[in-house]
Amino acid sequence: VQPNNYSTFYDDQRQNWSIMFESEKAAMDFSKQVCIAKCNSSPVLDSVLYQDLVLGEGQGVEGGDSLEVAYTGWLFQNNGLGQVFDSNVNKDKLLRLKLGSGKVIKGWEEGMMGMKKGGRRYLIIPPAWAYGAQGVAGRVPPDSTLVFEVEVRRVKLVKEGSGSDGHSVSSRDSPAPSPVPNSDGISAD
């Protein structure tokens, strides 16, 4: 997704395609359908699929950063969107969360990494990364794949203090990348 209602992507032959849309809504709707198509064409959904709808501005969020988000969650049924099971879009309160704290489903922890303030992202989350075999009584059946549209309204980045040796303790200044991809801030418990 690019500003001014563009989407660009590569096909299987690494050919670059650009599409211009009549409106931002049309570009977002197309991007959502691309994400659903990716889900439906993968033999096994074993990780979070995501598609940016609006990129946002500023620095991408990492583990430890605090966010306030507006979201809507759907059940993924019959290869597409099913019923809405949760949303705070028309409510006064945004959801506050700290990435990496384990207070939200694992699929959110993974799928929201790198988002920026004002960004909107479409997430498709397999059961193992959501509510698993338990589900949520009366709302999410067991072994449900979930779809979320999340928008980051506010971001509070981790304060960058300095350690006792005077070196910064910010994870953003680490000299080497983490050996395990996408493991930032996710603890074993």
C-alpha atoms as a PDB file:
ATOM      1  CA  VAL A   1       0.000   0.000   0.000  1.00  0.00           C
ATOM      2  CA  GLN A   2       1.379   3.377  -1.003  1.00  0.00           C
ATOM      3  CA  PRO A   3       0.159   6.917  -0.298  1.00  0.00           C
ATOM      4  CA  ASN A   4      -2.253   8.469  -2.815  1.00  0.00           C
ATOM      5  CA  ASN A   5      -4.288   5.303  -3.359  1.00  0.00           C
ATOM      6  CA  TYR A   6      -1.622   3.081  -4.881  1.00  0.00           C
ATOM      7  CA  SER A   7      -0.769  -0.525  -4.212  1.00  0.00           C
ATOM      8  CA  THR A   8       2.385  -2.152  -5.523  1.00  0.00           C
ATOM      9  CA  PHE A   9       3.307  -5.814  -5.425  1.00  0.00           C
ATOM     10  CA  TYR A  10       5.428  -8.510  -7.043  1.00  0.00           C
ATOM     11  CA  ASP A  11       3.988 -11.582  -8.688  1.00  0.00           C
ATOM     12  CA  ASP A  12       5.530 -15.086  -8.719  1.00  0.00           C
ATOM     13  CA  GLN A  13       7.878 -14.109 -11.554  1.00  0.00           C
ATOM     14  CA  ARG A  14       9.091 -11.098  -9.503  1.00  0.00           C
ATOM     15  CA  GLN A  15       7.380  -8.714 -11.924  1.00  0.00           C
ATOM     16  CA  ASN A  16       6.377  -5.465 -10.231  1.00  0.00           C
ATOM     17  CA  TRP A  17       2.760  -4.306 -10.511  1.00  0.00           C
ATOM     18  CA  SER A  18       1.235  -0.999  -9.495  1.00  0.00           C
ATOM     19  CA  ILE A  19      -2.463  -0.308  -9.231  1.00  0.00           C
ATOM     20  CA  MET A  20      -4.068   3.090  -8.758  1.00  0.00           C
ATOM     21  CA  PHE A  21      -7.488   3.193  -7.127  1.00  0.00           C
ATOM     22  CA  GLU A  22     -10.286   5.755  -7.246  1.00  0.00           C
ATOM     23  CA  SER A  23     -10.281   6.190  -3.485  1.00  0.00           C
ATOM     24  CA  GLU A  24      -8.423   5.250  -0.323  1.00  0.00           C
ATOM     25  CA  LYS A  25     -11.348   2.985   0.604  1.00  0.00           C
ATOM     26  CA  ALA A  26     -11.074   1.080  -2.706  1.00  0.00           C
ATOM     27  CA  ALA A  27      -7.318   0.620  -2.149  1.00  0.00           C
ATOM     28  CA  MET A  28      -7.932  -0.689   1.396  1.00  0.00           C
ATOM     29  CA  ASP A  29     -10.703  -3.050   0.263  1.00  0.00           C
ATOM     30  CA  PHE A  30      -8.393  -4.475  -2.415  1.00  0.00           C
ATOM     31  CA  SER A  31      -5.600  -4.945   0.137  1.00  0.00           C
ATOM     32  CA  LYS A  32      -7.977  -6.804   2.487  1.00  0.00           C
ATOM     33  CA  GLN A  33      -8.987  -9.144  -0.339  1.00  0.00           C
ATOM     34  CA  VAL A  34      -5.307  -9.792  -1.161  1.00  0.00           C
ATOM     35  CA  CYS A  35      -4.723 -10.812   2.464  1.00  0.00           C
ATOM     36  CA  ILE A  36      -7.776 -13.111   2.435  1.00  0.00           C
ATOM     37  CA  ALA A  37      -6.574 -14.641  -0.861  1.00  0.00           C
ATOM     38  CA  LYS A  38      -3.127 -15.273   0.685  1.00  0.00           C
ATOM     39  CA  CYS A  39      -4.834 -17.045   3.575  1.00  0.00           C
ATOM     40  CA  ASN A  40      -7.056 -19.153   1.328  1.00  0.00           C
ATOM     41  CA  SER A  41      -4.147 -20.175  -0.918  1.00  0.00           C
ATOM     42  CA  SER A  42      -1.802 -21.269   1.867  1.00  0.00           C
ATOM     43  CA  PRO A  43      -2.025 -25.023   2.587  1.00  0.00           C
ATOM     44  CA  VAL A  44      -1.596 -24.478   6.343  1.00  0.00           C
ATOM     45  CA  LEU A  45      -1.944 -21.180   8.149  1.00  0.00           C
ATOM     46  CA  ASP A  46       0.802 -21.497  10.770  1.00  0.00           C
ATOM     47  CA  SER A  47       1.659 -17.857  11.365  1.00  0.00           C
ATOM     48  CA  VAL A  48       0.011 -14.439  11.329  1.00  0.00           C
ATOM     49  CA  LEU A  49      -0.743 -12.985   7.905  1.00  0.00           C
ATOM     50  CA  TYR A  50      -0.903  -9.229   7.742  1.00  0.00           C
ATOM     51  CA  GLN A  51      -1.438  -6.526   5.164  1.00  0.00           C
ATOM     52  CA  ASP A  52      -0.868  -2.825   5.753  1.00  0.00           C
ATOM     53  CA  LEU A  53      -3.864  -0.702   4.762  1.00  0.00           C
ATOM     54  CA  VAL A  54      -2.442   2.671   5.841  1.00  0.00           C
ATOM     55  CA  LEU A  55       1.266   2.944   6.644  1.00  0.00           C
ATOM     56  CA  GLY A  56       1.169   5.655   9.327  1.00  0.00           C
ATOM     57  CA  GLU A  57       4.035   7.932  10.342  1.00  0.00           C
ATOM     58  CA  GLY A  58       6.985   7.922  12.703  1.00  0.00           C
ATOM     59  CA  GLN A  59       8.939   5.053  14.163  1.00  0.00           C
ATOM     60  CA  GLY A  60       7.680   1.465  14.001  1.00  0.00           C
ATOM     61  CA  VAL A  61       6.592  -0.037  17.319  1.00  0.00           C
ATOM     62  CA  GLU A  62       8.572  -2.769  19.065  1.00  0.00           C
ATOM     63  CA  GLY A  63       8.242  -4.907  22.176  1.00  0.00           C
ATOM     64  CA  GLY A  64       7.780  -2.743  25.267  1.00  0.00           C
ATOM     65  CA  ASP A  65       6.072   0.125  23.438  1.00  0.00           C
ATOM     66  CA  SER A  66       2.592   1.135  24.620  1.00  0.00           C
ATOM     67  CA  LEU A  67      -0.208   1.576  22.105  1.00  0.00           C
ATOM     68  CA  GLU A  68      -3.805   2.694  22.017  1.00  0.00           C
ATOM     69  CA  VAL A  69      -5.710   0.966  19.250  1.00  0.00           C
ATOM     70  CA  ALA A  70      -9.117   0.884  17.640  1.00  0.00           C
ATOM     71  CA  TYR A  71     -10.023  -2.534  16.282  1.00  0.00           C
ATOM     72  CA  THR A  72     -12.707  -4.798  14.882  1.00  0.00           C
ATOM     73  CA  GLY A  73     -12.480  -8.594  15.005  1.00  0.00           C
ATOM     74  CA  TRP A  74     -14.316 -11.052  12.758  1.00  0.00           C
ATOM     75  CA  LEU A  75     -14.484 -14.822  12.677  1.00  0.00           C
ATOM     76  CA  PHE A  76     -12.922 -16.226   9.496  1.00  0.00           C
ATOM     77  CA  GLN A  77     -15.658 -18.459   8.077  1.00  0.00           C
ATOM     78  CA  ASN A  78     -16.273 -20.029   4.654  1.00  0.00           C
ATOM     79  CA  ASN A  79     -12.992 -18.605   3.280  1.00  0.00           C
ATOM     80  CA  GLY A  80     -13.949 -15.031   4.140  1.00  0.00           C
ATOM     81  CA  LEU A  81     -15.229 -12.652   6.783  1.00  0.00           C
ATOM     82  CA  GLY A  82     -17.815 -14.062   9.141  1.00  0.00           C
ATOM     83  CA  GLN A  83     -19.561 -12.273  11.966  1.00  0.00           C
ATOM     84  CA  VAL A  84     -17.999  -9.528  14.076  1.00  0.00           C
ATOM     85  CA  PHE A  85     -17.188 -10.905  17.540  1.00  0.00           C
ATOM     86  CA  ASP A  86     -15.529  -7.835  19.052  1.00  0.00           C
ATOM     87  CA  SER A  87     -14.978  -4.156  18.261  1.00  0.00           C
ATOM     88  CA  ASN A  88     -14.213  -0.901  20.030  1.00  0.00           C
ATOM     89  CA  VAL A  89     -14.542   1.312  16.953  1.00  0.00           C
ATOM     90  CA  ASN A  90     -17.786   3.038  17.990  1.00  0.00           C
ATOM     91  CA  LYS A  91     -16.910   3.151  21.671  1.00  0.00           C
ATOM     92  CA  ASP A  92     -15.303   5.953  23.660  1.00  0.00           C
ATOM     93  CA  LYS A  93     -12.394   3.895  24.954  1.00  0.00           C
ATOM     94  CA  LEU A  94      -9.432   2.749  22.893  1.00  0.00           C
ATOM     95  CA  LEU A  95      -7.713  -0.495  23.851  1.00  0.00           C
ATOM     96  CA  ARG A  96      -4.439   0.172  25.656  1.00  0.00           C
ATOM     97  CA  LEU A  97      -1.754  -2.445  25.411  1.00  0.00           C
ATOM     98  CA  LYS A  98       1.961  -2.858  25.883  1.00  0.00           C
ATOM     99  CA  LEU A  99       3.550  -4.972  23.159  1.00  0.00           C
ATOM    100  CA  GLY A 100       5.346  -7.984  24.571  1.00  0.00           C
ATOM    101  CA  SER A 101       3.522  -7.973  27.907  1.00  0.00           C
ATOM    102  CA  GLY A 102       1.466 -11.060  27.054  1.00  0.00           C
ATOM    103  CA  LYS A 103      -1.844  -9.329  27.851  1.00  0.00           C
ATOM    104  CA  VAL A 104      -3.253  -9.799  24.335  1.00  0.00           C
ATOM    105  CA  ILE A 105      -3.322 -12.814  22.013  1.00  0.00           C
ATOM    106  CA  LYS A 106       0.020 -13.851  20.521  1.00  0.00           C
ATOM    107  CA  GLY A 107      -1.223 -12.998  17.018  1.00  0.00           C
ATOM    108  CA  TRP A 108      -1.578  -9.348  17.999  1.00  0.00           C
ATOM    109  CA  GLU A 109       1.876  -9.304  19.595  1.00  0.00           C
ATOM    110  CA  GLU A 110       3.384 -10.555  16.327  1.00  0.00           C
ATOM    111  CA  GLY A 111       1.089  -8.859  13.849  1.00  0.00           C
ATOM    112  CA  MET A 112       1.394  -5.342  15.243  1.00  0.00           C
ATOM    113  CA  MET A 113       5.202  -5.198  15.376  1.00  0.00           C
ATOM    114  CA  GLY A 114       6.501  -2.406  13.172  1.00  0.00           C
ATOM    115  CA  MET A 115       3.195  -0.529  12.934  1.00  0.00           C
ATOM    116  CA  LYS A 116       3.338   3.258  13.117  1.00  0.00           C
ATOM    117  CA  LYS A 117       1.066   5.908  14.600  1.00  0.00           C
ATOM    118  CA  GLY A 118      -1.934   6.353  12.326  1.00  0.00           C
ATOM    119  CA  GLY A 119      -1.252   3.000  10.670  1.00  0.00           C
ATOM    120  CA  ARG A 120      -3.994   0.497   9.899  1.00  0.00           C
ATOM    121  CA  ARG A 121      -3.315  -3.179   9.389  1.00  0.00           C
ATOM    122  CA  TYR A 122      -5.357  -6.238   8.512  1.00  0.00           C
ATOM    123  CA  LEU A 123      -4.422  -9.369  10.467  1.00  0.00           C
ATOM    124  CA  ILE A 124      -5.451 -12.973   9.846  1.00  0.00           C
ATOM    125  CA  ILE A 125      -4.580 -15.028  12.906  1.00  0.00           C
ATOM    126  CA  PRO A 126      -4.595 -18.845  13.087  1.00  0.00           C
ATOM    127  CA  PRO A 127      -6.180 -20.534  16.142  1.00  0.00           C
ATOM    128  CA  ALA A 128      -2.827 -21.417  17.749  1.00  0.00           C
ATOM    129  CA  TRP A 129      -1.956 -17.692  17.820  1.00  0.00           C
ATOM    130  CA  ALA A 130      -5.431 -16.672  19.053  1.00  0.00           C
ATOM    131  CA  TYR A 131      -7.739 -18.520  21.468  1.00  0.00           C
ATOM    132  CA  GLY A 132      -6.833 -22.059  20.354  1.00  0.00           C
ATOM    133  CA  ALA A 133      -8.946 -25.073  21.234  1.00  0.00           C
ATOM    134  CA  GLN A 134     -10.643 -23.227  24.118  1.00  0.00           C
ATOM    135  CA  GLY A 135     -12.141 -20.370  22.112  1.00  0.00           C
ATOM    136  CA  VAL A 136     -14.097 -17.763  24.086  1.00  0.00           C
ATOM    137  CA  ALA A 137     -17.441 -18.915  25.477  1.00  0.00           C
ATOM    138  CA  GLY A 138     -20.350 -17.491  23.506  1.00  0.00           C
ATOM    139  CA  ARG A 139     -18.142 -15.420  21.199  1.00  0.00           C
ATOM    140  CA  VAL A 140     -15.295 -17.354  19.575  1.00  0.00           C
ATOM    141  CA  PRO A 141     -15.803 -21.042  18.731  1.00  0.00           C
ATOM    142  CA  PRO A 142     -12.888 -23.432  19.447  1.00  0.00           C
ATOM    143  CA  ASP A 143     -10.128 -23.544  16.805  1.00  0.00           C
ATOM    144  CA  SER A 144     -11.251 -20.314  15.114  1.00  0.00           C
ATOM    145  CA  THR A 145      -9.126 -18.349  12.686  1.00  0.00           C
ATOM    146  CA  LEU A 146      -9.644 -14.632  13.391  1.00  0.00           C
ATOM    147  CA  VAL A 147      -9.460 -11.498  11.265  1.00  0.00           C
ATOM    148  CA  PHE A 148      -8.734  -8.092  12.785  1.00  0.00           C
ATOM    149  CA  GLU A 149      -8.497  -4.623  11.411  1.00  0.00           C
ATOM    150  CA  VAL A 150      -6.383  -2.601  13.829  1.00  0.00           C
ATOM    151  CA  GLU A 151      -5.556   1.093  13.810  1.00  0.00           C
ATOM    152  CA  VAL A 152      -2.840   2.565  16.020  1.00  0.00           C
ATOM    153  CA  ARG A 153      -4.176   5.866  17.344  1.00  0.00           C
ATOM    154  CA  ARG A 154      -1.494   6.637  19.952  1.00  0.00           C
ATOM    155  CA  VAL A 155       2.023   5.371  20.596  1.00  0.00           C
ATOM    156  CA  LYS A 156       4.255   5.735  23.623  1.00  0.00           C
ATOM    157  CA  LEU A 157       7.742   4.457  22.813  1.00  0.00           C
ATOM    158  CA  VAL A 158       9.879   2.834  25.496  1.00  0.00           C
ATOM    159  CA  LYS A 159      11.964   5.444  27.278  1.00  0.00           C
ATOM    160  CA  GLU A 160      15.569   5.192  26.185  1.00  0.00           C
ATOM    161  CA  GLY A 161      17.504   5.324  29.430  1.00  0.00           C
ATOM    162  CA  SER A 162      21.151   4.468  29.925  1.00  0.00           C
ATOM    163  CA  GLY A 163      22.641   1.562  31.823  1.00  0.00           C
ATOM    164  CA  SER A 164      25.141   1.775  34.660  1.00  0.00           C
ATOM    165  CA  ASP A 165      28.015   1.625  32.180  1.00  0.00           C
ATOM    166  CA  GLY A 166      26.661   4.677  30.353  1.00  0.00           C
ATOM    167  CA  HIS A 167      25.607   2.694  27.289  1.00  0.00           C
ATOM    168  CA  SER A 168      22.076   2.959  26.041  1.00  0.00           C
ATOM    169  CA  VAL A 169      19.835   0.071  27.054  1.00  0.00           C
ATOM    170  CA  SER A 170      17.380   0.663  24.246  1.00  0.00           C
ATOM    171  CA  SER A 171      16.671  -2.400  22.121  1.00  0.00           C
ATOM    172  CA  ARG A 172      16.717  -0.084  19.115  1.00  0.00           C
ATOM    173  CA  ASP A 173      20.467   0.390  19.425  1.00  0.00           C
ATOM    174  CA  SER A 174      21.421  -3.276  19.634  1.00  0.00           C
ATOM    175  CA  PRO A 175      24.441  -3.899  17.385  1.00  0.00           C
ATOM    176  CA  ALA A 176      23.321  -7.310  16.111  1.00  0.00           C
ATOM    177  CA  PRO A 177      19.889  -8.461  15.011  1.00  0.00           C
ATOM    178  CA  SER A 178      18.094 -10.972  17.169  1.00  0.00           C
ATOM    179  CA  PRO A 179      18.990 -14.546  16.152  1.00  0.00           C
ATOM    180  CA  VAL A 180      15.330 -15.559  16.151  1.00  0.00           C
ATOM    181  CA  PRO A 181      13.203 -13.590  13.680  1.00  0.00           C
ATOM    182  CA  ASN A 182      10.142 -11.817  15.091  1.00  0.00           C
ATOM    183  CA  SER A 183      10.904 -12.790  18.679  1.00  0.00           C
ATOM    184  CA  ASP A 184      11.292  -9.244  20.019  1.00  0.00           C
ATOM    185  CA  GLY A 185       9.834  -8.991  23.482  1.00  0.00           C
ATOM    186  CA  ILE A 186       8.002 -12.302  23.552  1.00  0.00           C
ATOM    187  CA  SER A 187       8.825 -14.180  26.701  1.00  0.00           C
ATOM    188  CA  ALA A 188       8.683 -17.942  27.109  1.00  0.00           C
ATOM    189  CA  ASP A 189       5.935 -17.769  29.717  1.00  0.00           C
END
